[in-house]
Amino acid sequence: MKKCQFCKEIIQDEAIKCKHCGSMLNGSMGQRSVPEELKRWNWAAFLWGPIWAIGHNVWLGLLCFVPVPLVYLVMIFILGAKGNQWAWERNHYSSIDQFLDKQRFWVRVWLIIWGSIIGLGFVMALVIPLFFQR
């Protein structure tokens, strides 16, 4: 018997998935293997870039702060492509659904913020000229 490196509960030696926390175990390396459902594009990482990276302990994403626009552009595409894998390996989610729910939440917040900004800009573009017509 051995302990799961994520939740510290006792599991069988040959276990590939913890029965307590659902973490996938990758042999003796002690890293979480990335489930097939997560090997896809991560919109939250792409849209939020360095903010998402900080929230998920993906420190490579801080390269977005390099003051060269091309570095930022390249890095957000890398975060979008590899974000699920990096976030899954660095955080301790109890299930794939919990992980995906968190990513969907980040996307929804981004849509609400930018939708509000664009909506406010549209309203201001319509209202401000009315005040100058007098």
Protein backbone atom coordinates (compact mmCIF):
# COMPACT_ATOMS: atom_id res chain seq x y z
CA MET A 1 0.00 0.00 0.00
CA LYS A 2 1.13 3.54 -0.77
CA LYS A 3 -0.26 7.03 -0.29
CA CYS A 4 -1.70 9.20 -3.03
CA GLN A 5 0.63 12.17 -3.52
CA PHE A 6 -2.36 14.50 -3.98
CA CYS A 7 -4.82 13.66 -1.18
CA LYS A 8 -2.46 11.53 1.01
CA GLU A 9 -5.02 8.70 1.33
CA ILE A 10 -3.86 5.08 1.21
CA ILE A 11 -4.21 3.40 -2.20
CA GLN A 12 -3.05 0.15 -3.75
CA ASP A 13 0.48 -0.02 -5.14
CA GLU A 14 -0.68 -0.76 -8.69
CA ALA A 15 -3.37 1.95 -8.74
CA ILE A 16 -3.35 4.31 -11.71
CA LYS A 17 -6.16 6.46 -10.33
CA CYS A 18 -6.81 7.45 -6.72
CA LYS A 19 -10.17 6.14 -5.53
CA HIS A 20 -10.44 9.00 -3.03
CA CYS A 21 -9.65 12.16 -5.03
CA GLY A 22 -9.84 10.82 -8.60
CA SER A 23 -6.32 11.95 -9.49
CA MET A 24 -4.64 10.08 -12.29
CA LEU A 25 -1.29 8.70 -11.17
CA ASN A 26 1.54 8.34 -13.66
CA GLY A 27 3.66 5.40 -12.52
CA SER A 28 6.59 6.18 -10.26
CA MET A 29 7.11 9.69 -11.57
CA GLY A 30 4.48 11.05 -9.21
CA GLN A 31 2.92 13.34 -11.80
CA ARG A 32 -0.69 13.46 -12.82
CA SER A 33 -1.30 12.18 -16.30
CA VAL A 34 -3.53 14.38 -18.43
CA PRO A 35 -6.88 12.76 -19.29
CA GLU A 36 -7.86 12.62 -22.96
CA GLU A 37 -10.80 15.00 -22.33
CA LEU A 38 -8.32 17.75 -21.49
CA LYS A 39 -6.11 17.41 -24.54
CA ARG A 40 -7.76 20.29 -26.35
CA TRP A 41 -7.76 24.07 -26.68
CA ASN A 42 -8.20 26.09 -23.47
CA TRP A 43 -10.15 29.27 -24.16
CA ALA A 44 -9.75 30.56 -20.60
CA ALA A 45 -5.96 30.44 -20.85
CA PHE A 46 -6.04 32.07 -24.28
CA LEU A 47 -8.40 34.89 -23.27
CA TRP A 48 -6.92 35.68 -19.85
CA GLY A 49 -3.25 35.00 -20.63
CA PRO A 50 -0.98 35.92 -17.71
CA ILE A 51 -3.84 36.36 -15.23
CA TRP A 52 -4.97 32.80 -15.91
CA ALA A 53 -1.35 31.62 -15.67
CA ILE A 54 -0.91 33.13 -12.20
CA GLY A 55 -4.20 31.62 -11.02
CA HIS A 56 -3.12 28.16 -12.15
CA ASN A 57 0.56 28.27 -11.12
CA VAL A 58 1.70 28.19 -14.74
CA TRP A 59 4.65 30.52 -14.28
CA LEU A 60 5.79 30.25 -17.88
CA GLY A 61 2.71 32.33 -18.74
CA LEU A 62 4.37 35.33 -17.08
CA LEU A 63 6.35 35.72 -20.31
CA CYS A 64 3.23 37.57 -21.49
CA PHE A 65 4.50 40.52 -19.45
CA VAL A 66 7.61 40.86 -21.61
CA PRO A 67 7.17 44.31 -23.22
CA VAL A 68 7.30 42.97 -26.77
CA PRO A 69 3.87 42.53 -28.41
CA LEU A 70 4.99 39.51 -30.44
CA VAL A 71 5.98 37.64 -27.25
CA TYR A 72 2.51 38.24 -25.78
CA LEU A 73 0.80 37.10 -28.96
CA VAL A 74 2.87 33.91 -29.22
CA MET A 75 2.50 33.16 -25.51
CA ILE A 76 -1.31 33.37 -25.42
CA PHE A 77 -1.48 30.88 -28.27
CA ILE A 78 0.89 28.57 -26.39
CA LEU A 79 -1.24 28.95 -23.24
CA GLY A 80 -4.36 28.14 -25.27
CA ALA A 81 -2.76 25.02 -26.70
CA LYS A 82 -0.99 23.71 -23.57
CA GLY A 83 -3.07 25.36 -20.82
CA ASN A 84 -5.21 22.36 -19.89
CA GLN A 85 -2.20 20.11 -19.56
CA TRP A 86 -0.16 22.55 -17.49
CA ALA A 87 -3.04 23.53 -15.18
CA TRP A 88 -4.07 19.90 -14.62
CA GLU A 89 -0.52 18.89 -13.71
CA ARG A 90 0.05 21.80 -11.31
CA ASN A 91 -3.28 21.89 -9.47
CA HIS A 92 -5.16 19.31 -7.48
CA TYR A 93 -8.64 19.05 -8.92
CA SER A 94 -10.87 16.32 -7.58
CA SER A 95 -12.34 15.56 -11.00
CA ILE A 96 -12.23 16.47 -14.66
CA ASP A 97 -15.67 18.05 -14.35
CA GLN A 98 -14.47 20.34 -11.57
CA PHE A 99 -11.52 21.39 -13.72
CA LEU A 100 -13.67 22.05 -16.79
CA ASP A 101 -16.23 23.97 -14.70
CA LYS A 102 -13.48 26.27 -13.47
CA GLN A 103 -12.27 26.88 -17.03
CA ARG A 104 -15.84 27.63 -18.19
CA PHE A 105 -16.20 30.07 -15.28
CA TRP A 106 -13.10 31.98 -16.43
CA VAL A 107 -14.52 32.23 -19.97
CA ARG A 108 -17.93 33.42 -18.70
CA VAL A 109 -16.32 36.13 -16.57
CA TRP A 110 -14.28 37.29 -19.58
CA LEU A 111 -17.44 37.46 -21.72
CA ILE A 112 -19.34 39.39 -19.05
CA ILE A 113 -16.54 41.92 -18.57
CA TRP A 114 -15.91 42.53 -22.27
CA GLY A 115 -19.63 42.42 -23.10
CA SER A 116 -20.23 45.09 -20.46
CA ILE A 117 -17.39 47.27 -21.73
CA ILE A 118 -18.54 47.02 -25.33
CA GLY A 119 -22.17 47.56 -24.34
CA LEU A 120 -21.27 50.61 -22.27
CA GLY A 121 -19.18 51.99 -25.12
CA PHE A 122 -22.08 51.52 -27.52
CA VAL A 123 -24.51 53.27 -25.16
CA MET A 124 -22.05 56.13 -24.61
CA ALA A 125 -21.59 56.50 -28.38
CA LEU A 126 -25.34 56.96 -28.69
CA VAL A 127 -25.95 59.13 -25.62
CA ILE A 128 -23.00 61.57 -25.67
CA PRO A 129 -23.90 63.13 -29.04
CA LEU A 130 -27.36 63.91 -27.66
CA PHE A 131 -25.83 66.23 -25.05
CA PHE A 132 -23.87 68.18 -27.68
CA GLN A 133 -26.83 68.81 -29.98
CA ARG A 134 -28.07 71.75 -27.91
